[in-house]
Amino acid sequence: EQHGVVEELLRFHRHADLVFRMAIEQGKVGGATIKEAGEVLVSMVDTDRDANVRAHPDIWLDFGGRRDHVGLAFGFHQCLGQNHLVRELEIVVFEILDGLPGLHQVGVPEDGPSRRT
């Protein structure tokens, strides 16, 4: 399914790995006290690599079209243009593939399916 390929692309290769957030109340994170209105730098690197969510989170093989990734952020901060972006990526990716009819997989890499290293 085309939509699934693009969603997996966004899950696997997000555009922002670090984001700033402001704490709305004082709390603790990893033993550090974060004051109310304090800035926190959040690493998003592993957010879509949770083995509790996907059986093989570091392998590109889930083409289900799920949009439960945070490749375009989430909640209040999610990308307002995400539907437009997904549609543009579908057009670009599949127009390129349609223009290369002889393109096909010739084997499996020695270490298995594509992996993020």
Foldseek 3Di string as FASTA:
>chain_A
DLLLVLLLVLQQDADDQKDKDFACAWDDDPRDIAHHRRIDIDGCVCVQQDCVVPVGSFAPDGSPNDNPGCSQHDDPRGDPCVVVVSVVVSCVVVVVCVVCVVDDDPDAPPVGGDGDD
